[in-house]
Amino acid sequence: QTHVRCYQARCHLRRLNEEKQEEERMVCNLRRLKQENVAATIIQSSFRGYQHFVRYLMMQYFVIKMQTCVRGYQARCRLKRLERENRDKMIKKSQRLSDVMTRVSRFSSALMKKNLTPA
């Protein structure tokens, strides 16, 4: 009978040891899962931050591109306006010059008529 009790005690001890090992494995698995969750969270947040950074850079690039296009358009419009104003000034200047030349030619022809007529 002592042998049977000894055998039962050994079996009970073996079961307790197996339960303890199983419990330790579960605790270890839980720790590992927790670490994996933390690591996954860190990776996801880092990746999302990177995505936002890339979006920001792309938006900044396109905003700068848009500003460049608008400023170029405005500069071309300003240049056309200045060329038009300059052309108008030149036309007015040449009209004034032609008016002066017309007056001079009229004056000189009048003088010539006076000089040609016998006094």
N, C-alpha and C. Protein backbone atom coordinates (compact mmCIF):
# COMPACT_ATOMS: atom_id res chain seq x y z
N GLN A 1 0.82 -1.18 0.00
CA GLN A 1 0.00 0.00 0.00
C GLN A 1 0.88 1.26 0.00
N THR A 2 1.98 1.27 0.63
CA THR A 2 2.88 2.43 0.59
C THR A 2 3.39 2.67 -0.82
N HIS A 3 3.59 1.55 -1.54
CA HIS A 3 4.05 1.72 -2.92
C HIS A 3 3.00 2.42 -3.77
N VAL A 4 1.74 2.07 -3.53
CA VAL A 4 0.65 2.70 -4.30
C VAL A 4 0.56 4.17 -3.94
N ARG A 5 0.64 4.49 -2.65
CA ARG A 5 0.57 5.88 -2.23
C ARG A 5 1.76 6.66 -2.77
N CYS A 6 2.92 6.05 -2.76
CA CYS A 6 4.12 6.68 -3.29
C CYS A 6 3.94 6.94 -4.79
N TYR A 7 3.40 5.97 -5.50
CA TYR A 7 3.14 6.11 -6.92
C TYR A 7 2.13 7.23 -7.16
N GLN A 8 1.07 7.27 -6.37
CA GLN A 8 0.06 8.31 -6.51
C GLN A 8 0.64 9.70 -6.21
N ALA A 9 1.51 9.76 -5.21
CA ALA A 9 2.15 11.03 -4.84
C ALA A 9 3.04 11.50 -5.98
N ARG A 10 3.80 10.54 -6.57
CA ARG A 10 4.66 10.90 -7.71
C ARG A 10 3.83 11.40 -8.89
N CYS A 11 2.72 10.71 -9.15
CA CYS A 11 1.82 11.14 -10.24
C CYS A 11 1.25 12.52 -9.96
N HIS A 12 0.83 12.72 -8.73
CA HIS A 12 0.28 14.01 -8.35
C HIS A 12 1.36 15.10 -8.48
N LEU A 13 2.57 14.82 -8.05
CA LEU A 13 3.68 15.77 -8.15
C LEU A 13 3.99 16.06 -9.61
N ARG A 14 3.98 15.03 -10.45
CA ARG A 14 4.24 15.19 -11.87
C ARG A 14 3.15 16.09 -12.49
N ARG A 15 1.88 15.86 -12.12
CA ARG A 15 0.79 16.69 -12.63
C ARG A 15 0.94 18.14 -12.17
N LEU A 16 1.32 18.31 -10.90
CA LEU A 16 1.53 19.67 -10.39
C LEU A 16 2.66 20.36 -11.15
N ASN A 17 3.76 19.61 -11.38
CA ASN A 17 4.89 20.17 -12.13
C ASN A 17 4.47 20.53 -13.57
N GLU A 18 3.69 19.65 -14.19
CA GLU A 18 3.22 19.92 -15.55
C GLU A 18 2.30 21.13 -15.57
N GLU A 19 1.43 21.24 -14.57
CA GLU A 19 0.54 22.40 -14.50
C GLU A 19 1.34 23.68 -14.30
N LYS A 20 2.37 23.58 -13.44
CA LYS A 20 3.22 24.74 -13.17
C LYS A 20 3.95 25.15 -14.44
N GLN A 21 4.49 24.18 -15.17
CA GLN A 21 5.19 24.47 -16.42
C GLN A 21 4.24 25.08 -17.45
N GLU A 22 3.03 24.50 -17.51
CA GLU A 22 2.02 25.03 -18.43
C GLU A 22 1.66 26.47 -18.07
N GLU A 23 1.53 26.72 -16.78
CA GLU A 23 1.23 28.07 -16.32
C GLU A 23 2.37 29.02 -16.66
N GLU A 24 3.61 28.57 -16.47
CA GLU A 24 4.77 29.40 -16.82
C GLU A 24 4.81 29.67 -18.32
N ARG A 25 4.49 28.65 -19.13
CA ARG A 25 4.45 28.82 -20.59
C ARG A 25 3.38 29.85 -20.97
N MET A 26 2.23 29.75 -20.29
CA MET A 26 1.15 30.70 -20.60
C MET A 26 1.55 32.12 -20.22
N VAL A 27 2.20 32.27 -19.06
CA VAL A 27 2.66 33.59 -18.63
C VAL A 27 3.69 34.12 -19.62
N CYS A 28 4.59 33.23 -20.03
CA CYS A 28 5.62 33.61 -21.00
C CYS A 28 4.97 34.02 -22.33
N ASN A 29 3.97 33.23 -22.75
CA ASN A 29 3.26 33.56 -23.99
C ASN A 29 2.54 34.90 -23.88
N LEU A 30 1.93 35.13 -22.71
CA LEU A 30 1.24 36.41 -22.50
C LEU A 30 2.21 37.58 -22.56
N ARG A 31 3.37 37.40 -21.92
CA ARG A 31 4.40 38.44 -21.96
C ARG A 31 4.83 38.70 -23.41
N ARG A 32 5.07 37.60 -24.13
CA ARG A 32 5.51 37.73 -25.52
C ARG A 32 4.43 38.42 -26.36
N LEU A 33 3.17 38.02 -26.14
CA LEU A 33 2.08 38.67 -26.87
C LEU A 33 1.99 40.15 -26.54
N LYS A 34 2.17 40.46 -25.26
CA LYS A 34 2.13 41.86 -24.86
C LYS A 34 3.26 42.64 -25.52
N GLN A 35 4.45 42.07 -25.53
CA GLN A 35 5.60 42.71 -26.18
C GLN A 35 5.34 42.87 -27.68
N GLU A 36 4.75 41.83 -28.29
CA GLU A 36 4.45 41.91 -29.72
C GLU A 36 3.42 43.00 -30.00
N ASN A 37 2.42 43.10 -29.11
CA ASN A 37 1.42 44.17 -29.28
C ASN A 37 2.05 45.55 -29.16
N VAL A 38 2.91 45.70 -28.16
CA VAL A 38 3.59 46.98 -27.99
C VAL A 38 4.46 47.28 -29.21
N ALA A 39 5.19 46.25 -29.67
CA ALA A 39 6.05 46.45 -30.84
C ALA A 39 5.21 46.78 -32.08
N ALA A 40 4.10 46.08 -32.25
CA ALA A 40 3.23 46.35 -33.40
C ALA A 40 2.67 47.76 -33.33
N THR A 41 2.29 48.20 -32.14
CA THR A 41 1.77 49.55 -31.97
C THR A 41 2.83 50.58 -32.32
N ILE A 42 4.04 50.35 -31.86
CA ILE A 42 5.14 51.28 -32.17
C ILE A 42 5.41 51.31 -33.67
N ILE A 43 5.44 50.15 -34.29
CA ILE A 43 5.68 50.08 -35.74
C ILE A 43 4.57 50.80 -36.49
N GLN A 44 3.31 50.55 -36.11
CA GLN A 44 2.18 51.18 -36.79
C GLN A 44 2.21 52.70 -36.63
N SER A 45 2.48 53.17 -35.42
CA SER A 45 2.50 54.61 -35.21
C SER A 45 3.66 55.25 -35.97
N SER A 46 4.80 54.57 -36.02
CA SER A 46 5.93 55.10 -36.78
C SER A 46 5.60 55.16 -38.27
N PHE A 47 4.96 54.11 -38.79
CA PHE A 47 4.60 54.08 -40.20
C PHE A 47 3.57 55.16 -40.53
N ARG A 48 2.60 55.33 -39.65
CA ARG A 48 1.59 56.37 -39.88
C ARG A 48 2.23 57.76 -39.85
N GLY A 49 3.15 57.96 -38.92
CA GLY A 49 3.88 59.23 -38.88
C GLY A 49 4.66 59.46 -40.16
N TYR A 50 5.29 58.41 -40.66
CA TYR A 50 6.04 58.50 -41.91
C TYR A 50 5.10 58.84 -43.07
N GLN A 51 3.92 58.21 -43.10
CA GLN A 51 2.94 58.49 -44.17
C GLN A 51 2.51 59.96 -44.12
N HIS A 52 2.24 60.47 -42.93
CA HIS A 52 1.84 61.87 -42.81
C HIS A 52 2.97 62.79 -43.25
N PHE A 53 4.20 62.43 -42.90
CA PHE A 53 5.35 63.23 -43.30
C PHE A 53 5.49 63.27 -44.81
N VAL A 54 5.32 62.12 -45.46
CA VAL A 54 5.40 62.05 -46.92
C VAL A 54 4.28 62.87 -47.55
N ARG A 55 3.06 62.76 -47.01
CA ARG A 55 1.95 63.58 -47.52
C ARG A 55 2.27 65.06 -47.38
N TYR A 56 2.85 65.45 -46.24
CA TYR A 56 3.21 66.85 -46.01
C TYR A 56 4.23 67.30 -47.05
N LEU A 57 5.25 66.47 -47.29
CA LEU A 57 6.27 66.85 -48.27
C LEU A 57 5.67 66.98 -49.67
N MET A 58 4.79 66.06 -50.04
CA MET A 58 4.16 66.12 -51.36
C MET A 58 3.30 67.38 -51.47
N MET A 59 2.54 67.67 -50.42
CA MET A 59 1.69 68.85 -50.45
C MET A 59 2.55 70.11 -50.54
N GLN A 60 3.63 70.15 -49.79
CA GLN A 60 4.53 71.29 -49.82
C GLN A 60 5.11 71.46 -51.22
N TYR A 61 5.50 70.36 -51.86
CA TYR A 61 6.06 70.41 -53.21
C TYR A 61 5.04 70.99 -54.18
N PHE A 62 3.78 70.50 -54.11
CA PHE A 62 2.77 70.98 -55.04
C PHE A 62 2.36 72.42 -54.75
N VAL A 63 2.37 72.82 -53.49
CA VAL A 63 2.05 74.22 -53.17
C VAL A 63 3.12 75.13 -53.75
N ILE A 64 4.38 74.74 -53.59
CA ILE A 64 5.48 75.54 -54.14
C ILE A 64 5.38 75.58 -55.66
N LYS A 65 5.05 74.44 -56.28
CA LYS A 65 4.89 74.39 -57.73
C LYS A 65 3.77 75.32 -58.17
N MET A 66 2.65 75.29 -57.44
CA MET A 66 1.51 76.15 -57.77
C MET A 66 1.89 77.62 -57.63
N GLN A 67 2.59 77.95 -56.55
CA GLN A 67 3.03 79.34 -56.35
C GLN A 67 3.93 79.78 -57.49
N THR A 68 4.82 78.89 -57.93
CA THR A 68 5.73 79.21 -59.02
C THR A 68 4.94 79.49 -60.30
N CYS A 69 3.95 78.66 -60.58
CA CYS A 69 3.13 78.86 -61.79
C CYS A 69 2.37 80.17 -61.72
N VAL A 70 1.77 80.46 -60.57
CA VAL A 70 0.99 81.69 -60.43
C VAL A 70 1.90 82.91 -60.55
N ARG A 71 3.05 82.88 -59.91
CA ARG A 71 3.97 84.02 -59.99
C ARG A 71 4.50 84.20 -61.41
N GLY A 72 4.75 83.09 -62.11
CA GLY A 72 5.17 83.19 -63.51
C GLY A 72 4.09 83.82 -64.37
N TYR A 73 2.84 83.39 -64.16
CA TYR A 73 1.72 83.96 -64.91
C TYR A 73 1.60 85.46 -64.63
N GLN A 74 1.69 85.83 -63.36
CA GLN A 74 1.59 87.25 -63.00
C GLN A 74 2.72 88.06 -63.62
N ALA A 75 3.93 87.49 -63.62
CA ALA A 75 5.07 88.20 -64.20
C ALA A 75 4.88 88.37 -65.71
N ARG A 76 4.36 87.34 -66.40
CA ARG A 76 4.12 87.46 -67.83
C ARG A 76 3.06 88.53 -68.12
N CYS A 77 2.01 88.55 -67.30
CA CYS A 77 0.97 89.58 -67.47
C CYS A 77 1.55 90.97 -67.25
N ARG A 78 2.36 91.13 -66.22
CA ARG A 78 3.00 92.41 -65.92
C ARG A 78 3.90 92.82 -67.08
N LEU A 79 4.65 91.87 -67.63
CA LEU A 79 5.55 92.16 -68.75
C LEU A 79 4.75 92.61 -69.97
N LYS A 80 3.65 91.92 -70.27
CA LYS A 80 2.80 92.33 -71.40
C LYS A 80 2.28 93.74 -71.20
N ARG A 81 1.83 94.03 -69.98
CA ARG A 81 1.30 95.35 -69.69
C ARG A 81 2.39 96.42 -69.87
N LEU A 82 3.59 96.13 -69.36
CA LEU A 82 4.69 97.09 -69.50
C LEU A 82 5.07 97.26 -70.97
N GLU A 83 5.08 96.18 -71.73
CA GLU A 83 5.39 96.28 -73.16
C GLU A 83 4.33 97.11 -73.88
N ARG A 84 3.06 96.90 -73.54
CA ARG A 84 1.97 97.66 -74.14
C ARG A 84 2.12 99.14 -73.80
N GLU A 85 2.40 99.44 -72.50
CA GLU A 85 2.58 100.83 -72.09
C GLU A 85 3.77 101.45 -72.81
N ASN A 86 4.86 100.68 -72.91
CA ASN A 86 6.05 101.19 -73.59
C ASN A 86 5.76 101.44 -75.06
N ARG A 87 5.03 100.54 -75.69
CA ARG A 87 4.67 100.69 -77.10
C ARG A 87 3.79 101.92 -77.27
N ASP A 88 2.82 102.11 -76.35
CA ASP A 88 1.96 103.29 -76.42
C ASP A 88 2.77 104.57 -76.27
N LYS A 89 3.75 104.56 -75.36
CA LYS A 89 4.61 105.74 -75.18
C LYS A 89 5.41 106.02 -76.45
N MET A 90 5.92 104.95 -77.05
CA MET A 90 6.71 105.13 -78.28
C MET A 90 5.83 105.69 -79.40
N ILE A 91 4.59 105.18 -79.49
CA ILE A 91 3.67 105.67 -80.52
C ILE A 91 3.37 107.15 -80.28
N LYS A 92 3.10 107.51 -79.04
CA LYS A 92 2.83 108.92 -78.73
C LYS A 92 4.05 109.78 -79.03
N LYS A 93 5.22 109.26 -78.70
CA LYS A 93 6.45 110.00 -78.95
C LYS A 93 6.65 110.19 -80.45
N SER A 94 6.43 109.12 -81.22
CA SER A 94 6.60 109.25 -82.67
C SER A 94 5.53 110.16 -83.26
N GLN A 95 4.32 110.16 -82.71
CA GLN A 95 3.27 111.07 -83.17
C GLN A 95 3.66 112.50 -82.89
N ARG A 96 4.20 112.74 -81.70
CA ARG A 96 4.66 114.09 -81.37
C ARG A 96 5.78 114.51 -82.30
N LEU A 97 6.69 113.57 -82.56
CA LEU A 97 7.80 113.88 -83.45
C LEU A 97 7.30 114.18 -84.87
N SER A 98 6.33 113.39 -85.33
CA SER A 98 5.78 113.63 -86.66
C SER A 98 5.02 114.96 -86.70
N ASP A 99 4.33 115.30 -85.59
CA ASP A 99 3.65 116.60 -85.53
C ASP A 99 4.66 117.73 -85.61
N VAL A 100 5.74 117.59 -84.87
CA VAL A 100 6.79 118.61 -84.89
C VAL A 100 7.38 118.71 -86.30
N MET A 101 7.63 117.55 -86.90
CA MET A 101 8.20 117.56 -88.25
C MET A 101 7.24 118.20 -89.25
N THR A 102 5.94 117.94 -89.08
CA THR A 102 4.94 118.55 -89.95
C THR A 102 4.94 120.06 -89.78
N ARG A 103 4.98 120.50 -88.55
CA ARG A 103 5.03 121.95 -88.29
C ARG A 103 6.28 122.57 -88.88
N VAL A 104 7.41 121.88 -88.70
CA VAL A 104 8.67 122.39 -89.23
C VAL A 104 8.59 122.47 -90.75
N SER A 105 8.06 121.42 -91.35
CA SER A 105 7.98 121.44 -92.83
C SER A 105 7.02 122.53 -93.31
N ARG A 106 5.91 122.74 -92.61
CA ARG A 106 4.98 123.81 -92.98
C ARG A 106 5.65 125.17 -92.83
N PHE A 107 6.37 125.29 -91.70
CA PHE A 107 7.06 126.55 -91.43
C PHE A 107 8.11 126.80 -92.50
N SER A 108 8.89 125.77 -92.81
CA SER A 108 9.94 125.95 -93.82
C SER A 108 9.33 126.21 -95.19
N SER A 109 8.23 125.56 -95.53
CA SER A 109 7.60 125.83 -96.84
C SER A 109 7.04 127.24 -96.84
N ALA A 110 6.51 127.71 -95.75
CA ALA A 110 6.02 129.09 -95.67
C ALA A 110 7.15 130.06 -95.83
N LEU A 111 8.28 129.75 -95.19
CA LEU A 111 9.45 130.63 -95.32
C LEU A 111 9.94 130.65 -96.76
N MET A 112 9.92 129.50 -97.36
CA MET A 112 10.39 129.42 -98.74
C MET A 112 9.48 130.22 -99.66
N LYS A 113 8.19 130.15 -99.40
CA LYS A 113 7.25 130.93 -100.21
C LYS A 113 7.50 132.41 -100.06
N LYS A 114 7.81 132.82 -98.82
CA LYS A 114 8.08 134.23 -98.58
C LYS A 114 9.37 134.63 -99.27
N ASN A 115 10.36 133.75 -99.21
CA ASN A 115 11.65 134.06 -99.82
C ASN A 115 11.56 134.03 -101.35
N LEU A 116 10.68 133.24 -101.89
CA LEU A 116 10.55 133.12 -103.33
C LEU A 116 9.72 134.26 -103.94
N THR A 117 8.84 134.82 -103.20
CA THR A 117 8.02 135.90 -103.73
C THR A 117 8.83 137.18 -103.79
N PRO A 118 8.72 137.90 -104.92
CA PRO A 118 9.51 139.14 -105.00
C PRO A 118 8.94 140.21 -104.05
N ALA A 119 9.83 140.87 -103.46
CA ALA A 119 9.41 141.86 -102.49
C ALA A 119 9.28 143.22 -103.08
